[in-house]
Amino acid sequence: MKTIVTIFTLIFALNFAATVHAEDGSMRYREMVEKLREQNKERREAEQEQEQEQEQENEKQVNQTKKQEPVSTNDKK
């Protein structure tokens, strides 16, 4: 009888330890996923800012080239 109680106690202890370990791993996984999502969000925002800056720079260049184009007053027909 004592052996059976010892076996059930060990099984319960192992099951409890496995449950605690699994929950800890699950929490770590959730934290890792959350950090990755934050990093992806920050990266996307940085890319969007960079694209907007590039578009603004392109617009400035287009406006400058339009101003620099000579206006022809001697049109030949």
PDB file of N, CA and C in Angstrom:
ATOM      1  N   MET A   1       0.822  -1.190   0.000  1.00  0.00           N
ATOM      2  CA  MET A   1       0.000   0.000   0.000  1.00  0.00           C
ATOM      3  C   MET A   1       0.877   1.270   0.000  1.00  0.00           C
ATOM      4  N   LYS A   2       1.946   1.216   0.776  1.00  0.00           N
ATOM      5  CA  LYS A   2       2.845   2.359   0.855  1.00  0.00           C
ATOM      6  C   LYS A   2       3.488   2.628  -0.506  1.00  0.00           C
ATOM      7  N   THR A   3       3.794   1.587  -1.249  1.00  0.00           N
ATOM      8  CA  THR A   3       4.407   1.719  -2.565  1.00  0.00           C
ATOM      9  C   THR A   3       3.443   2.391  -3.534  1.00  0.00           C
ATOM     10  N   ILE A   4       2.179   2.019  -3.470  1.00  0.00           N
ATOM     11  CA  ILE A   4       1.183   2.606  -4.369  1.00  0.00           C
ATOM     12  C   ILE A   4       1.032   4.101  -4.071  1.00  0.00           C
ATOM     13  N   VAL A   5       0.982   4.468  -2.806  1.00  0.00           N
ATOM     14  CA  VAL A   5       0.876   5.876  -2.427  1.00  0.00           C
ATOM     15  C   VAL A   5       2.110   6.631  -2.895  1.00  0.00           C
ATOM     16  N   THR A   6       3.282   6.040  -2.761  1.00  0.00           N
ATOM     17  CA  THR A   6       4.526   6.679  -3.209  1.00  0.00           C
ATOM     18  C   THR A   6       4.502   6.895  -4.723  1.00  0.00           C
ATOM     19  N   ILE A   7       4.057   5.901  -5.454  1.00  0.00           N
ATOM     20  CA  ILE A   7       3.990   6.007  -6.917  1.00  0.00           C
ATOM     21  C   ILE A   7       3.021   7.111  -7.322  1.00  0.00           C
ATOM     22  N   PHE A   8       1.834   7.144  -6.737  1.00  0.00           N
ATOM     23  CA  PHE A   8       0.856   8.183  -7.069  1.00  0.00           C
ATOM     24  C   PHE A   8       1.366   9.571  -6.678  1.00  0.00           C
ATOM     25  N   THR A   9       2.070   9.656  -5.571  1.00  0.00           N
ATOM     26  CA  THR A   9       2.645  10.939  -5.142  1.00  0.00           C
ATOM     27  C   THR A   9       3.698  11.399  -6.139  1.00  0.00           C
ATOM     28  N   LEU A  10       4.554  10.505  -6.587  1.00  0.00           N
ATOM     29  CA  LEU A  10       5.572  10.859  -7.580  1.00  0.00           C
ATOM     30  C   LEU A  10       4.935  11.279  -8.909  1.00  0.00           C
ATOM     31  N   ILE A  11       3.917  10.548  -9.321  1.00  0.00           N
ATOM     32  CA  ILE A  11       3.226  10.885 -10.572  1.00  0.00           C
ATOM     33  C   ILE A  11       2.584  12.270 -10.457  1.00  0.00           C
ATOM     34  N   PHE A  12       1.936  12.528  -9.316  1.00  0.00           N
ATOM     35  CA  PHE A  12       1.321  13.832  -9.112  1.00  0.00           C
ATOM     36  C   PHE A  12       2.378  14.941  -9.114  1.00  0.00           C
ATOM     37  N   ALA A  13       3.494  14.701  -8.438  1.00  0.00           N
ATOM     38  CA  ALA A  13       4.566  15.700  -8.377  1.00  0.00           C
ATOM     39  C   ALA A  13       5.137  15.967  -9.765  1.00  0.00           C
ATOM     40  N   LEU A  14       5.357  14.911 -10.547  1.00  0.00           N
ATOM     41  CA  LEU A  14       5.870  15.082 -11.906  1.00  0.00           C
ATOM     42  C   LEU A  14       4.862  15.828 -12.784  1.00  0.00           C
ATOM     43  N   ASN A  15       3.608  15.486 -12.635  1.00  0.00           N
ATOM     44  CA  ASN A  15       2.560  16.152 -13.412  1.00  0.00           C
ATOM     45  C   ASN A  15       2.499  17.638 -13.051  1.00  0.00           C
ATOM     46  N   PHE A  16       2.588  17.927 -11.765  1.00  0.00           N
ATOM     47  CA  PHE A  16       2.572  19.318 -11.313  1.00  0.00           C
ATOM     48  C   PHE A  16       3.786  20.080 -11.853  1.00  0.00           C
ATOM     49  N   ALA A  17       4.946  19.467 -11.759  1.00  0.00           N
ATOM     50  CA  ALA A  17       6.168  20.105 -12.261  1.00  0.00           C
ATOM     51  C   ALA A  17       6.074  20.338 -13.768  1.00  0.00           C
ATOM     52  N   ALA A  18       5.538  19.382 -14.503  1.00  0.00           N
ATOM     53  CA  ALA A  18       5.397  19.531 -15.955  1.00  0.00           C
ATOM     54  C   ALA A  18       4.426  20.657 -16.290  1.00  0.00           C
ATOM     55  N   THR A  19       3.365  20.770 -15.514  1.00  0.00           N
ATOM     56  CA  THR A  19       2.383  21.831 -15.748  1.00  0.00           C
ATOM     57  C   THR A  19       3.004  23.200 -15.508  1.00  0.00           C
ATOM     58  N   VAL A  20       3.736  23.331 -14.421  1.00  0.00           N
ATOM     59  CA  VAL A  20       4.385  24.606 -14.114  1.00  0.00           C
ATOM     60  C   VAL A  20       5.404  24.954 -15.197  1.00  0.00           C
ATOM     61  N   HIS A  21       6.166  23.972 -15.623  1.00  0.00           N
ATOM     62  CA  HIS A  21       7.166  24.197 -16.669  1.00  0.00           C
ATOM     63  C   HIS A  21       6.491  24.613 -17.974  1.00  0.00           C
ATOM     64  N   ALA A  22       5.392  23.955 -18.319  1.00  0.00           N
ATOM     65  CA  ALA A  22       4.683  24.276 -19.561  1.00  0.00           C
ATOM     66  C   ALA A  22       4.119  25.696 -19.505  1.00  0.00           C
ATOM     67  N   GLU A  23       3.584  26.086 -18.365  1.00  0.00           N
ATOM     68  CA  GLU A  23       3.048  27.437 -18.240  1.00  0.00           C
ATOM     69  C   GLU A  23       4.163  28.470 -18.344  1.00  0.00           C
ATOM     70  N   ASP A  24       5.309  28.179 -17.771  1.00  0.00           N
ATOM     71  CA  ASP A  24       6.446  29.090 -17.864  1.00  0.00           C
ATOM     72  C   ASP A  24       6.900  29.239 -19.318  1.00  0.00           C
ATOM     73  N   GLY A  25       6.974  28.108 -20.016  1.00  0.00           N
ATOM     74  CA  GLY A  25       7.353  28.148 -21.431  1.00  0.00           C
ATOM     75  C   GLY A  25       6.337  28.905 -22.252  1.00  0.00           C
ATOM     76  N   SER A  26       5.065  28.730 -21.914  1.00  0.00           N
ATOM     77  CA  SER A  26       4.012  29.432 -22.630  1.00  0.00           C
ATOM     78  C   SER A  26       4.118  30.939 -22.410  1.00  0.00           C
ATOM     79  N   MET A  27       4.411  31.343 -21.189  1.00  0.00           N
ATOM     80  CA  MET A  27       4.576  32.772 -20.903  1.00  0.00           C
ATOM     81  C   MET A  27       5.769  33.341 -21.672  1.00  0.00           C
ATOM     82  N   ARG A  28       6.860  32.607 -21.700  1.00  0.00           N
ATOM     83  CA  ARG A  28       8.039  33.071 -22.448  1.00  0.00           C
ATOM     84  C   ARG A  28       7.710  33.208 -23.927  1.00  0.00           C
ATOM     85  N   TYR A  29       6.967  32.238 -24.448  1.00  0.00           N
ATOM     86  CA  TYR A  29       6.589  32.276 -25.864  1.00  0.00           C
ATOM     87  C   TYR A  29       5.718  33.503 -26.138  1.00  0.00           C
ATOM     88  N   ARG A  30       4.751  33.752 -25.272  1.00  0.00           N
ATOM     89  CA  ARG A  30       3.882  34.921 -25.456  1.00  0.00           C
ATOM     90  C   ARG A  30       4.680  36.213 -25.423  1.00  0.00           C
ATOM     91  N   GLU A  31       5.621  36.311 -24.482  1.00  0.00           N
ATOM     92  CA  GLU A  31       6.460  37.503 -24.394  1.00  0.00           C
ATOM     93  C   GLU A  31       7.307  37.673 -25.652  1.00  0.00           C
ATOM     94  N   MET A  32       7.841  36.581 -26.154  1.00  0.00           N
ATOM     95  CA  MET A  32       8.664  36.633 -27.356  1.00  0.00           C
ATOM     96  C   MET A  32       7.827  37.099 -28.553  1.00  0.00           C
ATOM     97  N   VAL A  33       6.616  36.548 -28.680  1.00  0.00           N
ATOM     98  CA  VAL A  33       5.742  36.930 -29.783  1.00  0.00           C
ATOM     99  C   VAL A  33       5.364  38.407 -29.668  1.00  0.00           C
ATOM    100  N   GLU A  34       5.091  38.855 -28.459  1.00  0.00           N
ATOM    101  CA  GLU A  34       4.730  40.258 -28.250  1.00  0.00           C
ATOM    102  C   GLU A  34       5.889  41.181 -28.630  1.00  0.00           C
ATOM    103  N   LYS A  35       7.100  40.818 -28.248  1.00  0.00           N
ATOM    104  CA  LYS A  35       8.274  41.624 -28.599  1.00  0.00           C
ATOM    105  C   LYS A  35       8.467  41.665 -30.110  1.00  0.00           C
ATOM    106  N   LEU A  36       8.280  40.512 -30.765  1.00  0.00           N
ATOM    107  CA  LEU A  36       8.423  40.482 -32.222  1.00  0.00           C
ATOM    108  C   LEU A  36       7.381  41.364 -32.896  1.00  0.00           C
ATOM    109  N   ARG A  37       6.161  41.354 -32.384  1.00  0.00           N
ATOM    110  CA  ARG A  37       5.118  42.212 -32.952  1.00  0.00           C
ATOM    111  C   ARG A  37       5.476  43.682 -32.791  1.00  0.00           C
ATOM    112  N   GLU A  38       5.996  44.040 -31.619  1.00  0.00           N
ATOM    113  CA  GLU A  38       6.404  45.426 -31.397  1.00  0.00           C
ATOM    114  C   GLU A  38       7.540  45.817 -32.337  1.00  0.00           C
ATOM    115  N   GLN A  39       8.510  44.918 -32.509  1.00  0.00           N
ATOM    116  CA  GLN A  39       9.620  45.203 -33.410  1.00  0.00           C
ATOM    117  C   GLN A  39       9.141  45.365 -34.844  1.00  0.00           C
ATOM    118  N   ASN A  40       8.211  44.493 -35.266  1.00  0.00           N
ATOM    119  CA  ASN A  40       7.674  44.600 -36.624  1.00  0.00           C
ATOM    120  C   ASN A  40       6.919  45.916 -36.807  1.00  0.00           C
ATOM    121  N   LYS A  41       6.166  46.309 -35.783  1.00  0.00           N
ATOM    122  CA  LYS A  41       5.425  47.567 -35.855  1.00  0.00           C
ATOM    123  C   LYS A  41       6.386  48.742 -35.974  1.00  0.00           C
ATOM    124  N   GLU A  42       7.434  48.749 -35.146  1.00  0.00           N
ATOM    125  CA  GLU A  42       8.425  49.823 -35.204  1.00  0.00           C
ATOM    126  C   GLU A  42       9.126  49.849 -36.557  1.00  0.00           C
ATOM    127  N   ARG A  43       9.441  48.670 -37.082  1.00  0.00           N
ATOM    128  CA  ARG A  43      10.118  48.592 -38.390  1.00  0.00           C
ATOM    129  C   ARG A  43       9.211  49.130 -39.491  1.00  0.00           C
ATOM    130  N   ARG A  44       7.922  48.736 -39.454  1.00  0.00           N
ATOM    131  CA  ARG A  44       6.974  49.225 -40.454  1.00  0.00           C
ATOM    132  C   ARG A  44       6.834  50.741 -40.387  1.00  0.00           C
ATOM    133  N   GLU A  45       6.749  51.281 -39.160  1.00  0.00           N
ATOM    134  CA  GLU A  45       6.628  52.725 -39.006  1.00  0.00           C
ATOM    135  C   GLU A  45       7.870  53.432 -39.538  1.00  0.00           C
ATOM    136  N   ALA A  46       9.039  52.877 -39.263  1.00  0.00           N
ATOM    137  CA  ALA A  46      10.285  53.472 -39.761  1.00  0.00           C
ATOM    138  C   ALA A  46      10.325  53.431 -41.290  1.00  0.00           C
ATOM    139  N   GLU A  47       9.878  52.329 -41.870  1.00  0.00           N
ATOM    140  CA  GLU A  47       9.849  52.222 -43.335  1.00  0.00           C
ATOM    141  C   GLU A  47       8.888  53.238 -43.932  1.00  0.00           C
ATOM    142  N   GLN A  48       7.724  53.413 -43.292  1.00  0.00           N
ATOM    143  CA  GLN A  48       6.762  54.393 -43.802  1.00  0.00           C
ATOM    144  C   GLN A  48       7.314  55.808 -43.721  1.00  0.00           C
ATOM    145  N   GLU A  49       7.981  56.120 -42.611  1.00  0.00           N
ATOM    146  CA  GLU A  49       8.593  57.438 -42.486  1.00  0.00           C
ATOM    147  C   GLU A  49       9.647  57.649 -43.562  1.00  0.00           C
ATOM    148  N   GLN A  50      10.444  56.617 -43.799  1.00  0.00           N
ATOM    149  CA  GLN A  50      11.498  56.714 -44.813  1.00  0.00           C
ATOM    150  C   GLN A  50      10.885  56.912 -46.202  1.00  0.00           C
ATOM    151  N   GLU A  51       9.789  56.197 -46.486  1.00  0.00           N
ATOM    152  CA  GLU A  51       9.122  56.354 -47.782  1.00  0.00           C
ATOM    153  C   GLU A  51       8.561  57.764 -47.928  1.00  0.00           C
ATOM    154  N   GLN A  52       7.963  58.284 -46.864  1.00  0.00           N
ATOM    155  CA  GLN A  52       7.413  59.644 -46.925  1.00  0.00           C
ATOM    156  C   GLN A  52       8.521  60.667 -47.151  1.00  0.00           C
ATOM    157  N   GLU A  53       9.636  60.492 -46.457  1.00  0.00           N
ATOM    158  CA  GLU A  53      10.767  61.403 -46.648  1.00  0.00           C
ATOM    159  C   GLU A  53      11.287  61.323 -48.077  1.00  0.00           C
ATOM    160  N   GLN A  54      11.335  60.105 -48.629  1.00  0.00           N
ATOM    161  CA  GLN A  54      11.807  59.928 -49.999  1.00  0.00           C
ATOM    162  C   GLN A  54      10.849  60.598 -50.977  1.00  0.00           C
ATOM    163  N   GLU A  55       9.539  60.470 -50.739  1.00  0.00           N
ATOM    164  CA  GLU A  55       8.559  61.109 -51.614  1.00  0.00           C
ATOM    165  C   GLU A  55       8.694  62.630 -51.550  1.00  0.00           C
ATOM    166  N   GLN A  56       8.889  63.157 -50.346  1.00  0.00           N
ATOM    167  CA  GLN A  56       9.063  64.605 -50.201  1.00  0.00           C
ATOM    168  C   GLN A  56      10.319  65.072 -50.927  1.00  0.00           C
ATOM    169  N   GLU A  57      11.386  64.308 -50.813  1.00  0.00           N
ATOM    170  CA  GLU A  57      12.633  64.652 -51.493  1.00  0.00           C
ATOM    171  C   GLU A  57      12.440  64.611 -53.012  1.00  0.00           C
ATOM    172  N   ASN A  58      11.724  63.601 -53.487  1.00  0.00           N
ATOM    173  CA  ASN A  58      11.453  63.509 -54.929  1.00  0.00           C
ATOM    174  C   ASN A  58      10.629  64.703 -55.407  1.00  0.00           C
ATOM    175  N   GLU A  59       9.630  65.095 -54.612  1.00  0.00           N
ATOM    176  CA  GLU A  59       8.805  66.246 -54.983  1.00  0.00           C
ATOM    177  C   GLU A  59       9.644  67.520 -55.037  1.00  0.00           C
ATOM    178  N   LYS A  60      10.556  67.682 -54.080  1.00  0.00           N
ATOM    179  CA  LYS A  60      11.432  68.853 -54.093  1.00  0.00           C
ATOM    180  C   LYS A  60      12.291  68.874 -55.347  1.00  0.00           C
ATOM    181  N   GLN A  61      12.826  67.710 -55.709  1.00  0.00           N
ATOM    182  CA  GLN A  61      13.678  67.629 -56.898  1.00  0.00           C
ATOM    183  C   GLN A  61      12.881  67.943 -58.154  1.00  0.00           C
ATOM    184  N   VAL A  62      11.648  67.439 -58.230  1.00  0.00           N
ATOM    185  CA  VAL A  62      10.805  67.710 -59.396  1.00  0.00           C
ATOM    186  C   VAL A  62      10.500  69.200 -59.472  1.00  0.00           C
ATOM    187  N   ASN A  63      10.177  69.795 -58.346  1.00  0.00           N
ATOM    188  CA  ASN A  63       9.882  71.235 -58.341  1.00  0.00           C
ATOM    189  C   ASN A  63      11.108  72.048 -58.720  1.00  0.00           C
ATOM    190  N   GLN A  64      12.276  71.648 -58.271  1.00  0.00           N
ATOM    191  CA  GLN A  64      13.498  72.369 -58.616  1.00  0.00           C
ATOM    192  C   GLN A  64      13.805  72.248 -60.099  1.00  0.00           C
ATOM    193  N   THR A  65      13.597  71.073 -60.661  1.00  0.00           N
ATOM    194  CA  THR A  65      13.881  70.911 -62.095  1.00  0.00           C
ATOM    195  C   THR A  65      12.873  71.696 -62.931  1.00  0.00           C
ATOM    196  N   LYS A  66      11.648  71.805 -62.452  1.00  0.00           N
ATOM    197  CA  LYS A  66      10.659  72.602 -63.187  1.00  0.00           C
ATOM    198  C   LYS A  66      11.052  74.076 -63.179  1.00  0.00           C
ATOM    199  N   LYS A  67      11.583  74.542 -62.062  1.00  0.00           N
ATOM    200  CA  LYS A  67      11.998  75.942 -61.962  1.00  0.00           C
ATOM    201  C   LYS A  67      13.227  76.208 -62.812  1.00  0.00           C
ATOM    202  N   GLN A  68      14.078  75.210 -62.985  1.00  0.00           N
ATOM    203  CA  GLN A  68      15.329  75.399 -63.708  1.00  0.00           C
ATOM    204  C   GLN A  68      15.170  75.275 -65.219  1.00  0.00           C
ATOM    205  N   GLU A  69      14.074  74.701 -65.677  1.00  0.00           N
ATOM    206  CA  GLU A  69      13.888  74.542 -67.119  1.00  0.00           C
ATOM    207  C   GLU A  69      13.742  75.924 -67.761  1.00  0.00           C
ATOM    208  N   PRO A  70      14.509  76.168 -68.801  1.00  0.00           N
ATOM    209  CA  PRO A  70      14.410  77.476 -69.450  1.00  0.00           C
ATOM    210  C   PRO A  70      13.099  77.605 -70.233  1.00  0.00           C
ATOM    211  N   VAL A  71      12.568  78.787 -70.171  1.00  0.00           N
ATOM    212  CA  VAL A  71      11.336  79.068 -70.921  1.00  0.00           C
ATOM    213  C   VAL A  71      11.732  79.654 -72.258  1.00  0.00           C
ATOM    214  N   SER A  72      11.315  79.031 -73.308  1.00  0.00           N
ATOM    215  CA  SER A  72      11.685  79.476 -74.645  1.00  0.00           C
ATOM    216  C   SER A  72      10.730  80.583 -75.077  1.00  0.00           C
ATOM    217  N   THR A  73      11.299  81.714 -75.485  1.00  0.00           N
ATOM    218  CA  THR A  73      10.481  82.828 -75.981  1.00  0.00           C
ATOM    219  C   THR A  73      10.485  82.887 -77.499  1.00  0.00           C
ATOM    220  N   ASN A  74      11.413  82.164 -78.129  1.00  0.00           N
ATOM    221  CA  ASN A  74      11.507  82.161 -79.588  1.00  0.00           C
ATOM    222  C   ASN A  74      10.925  80.864 -80.121  1.00  0.00           C
ATOM    223  N   ASP A  75       9.659  80.809 -80.185  1.00  0.00           N
ATOM    224  CA  ASP A  75       9.029  79.603 -80.737  1.00  0.00           C
ATOM    225  C   ASP A  75       9.014  79.702 -82.249  1.00  0.00           C
ATOM    226  N   LYS A  76       9.521  78.695 -82.913  1.00  0.00           N
ATOM    227  CA  LYS A  76       9.548  78.658 -84.372  1.00  0.00           C
ATOM    228  C   LYS A  76       8.392  77.802 -84.823  1.00  0.00           C
ATOM    229  N   LYS A  77       7.680  78.328 -85.825  1.00  0.00           N
ATOM    230  CA  LYS A  77       6.564  77.562 -86.368  1.00  0.00           C
ATOM    231  C   LYS A  77       6.801  77.220 -87.805  1.00  0.00           C
TER     232      LYS A  77
END
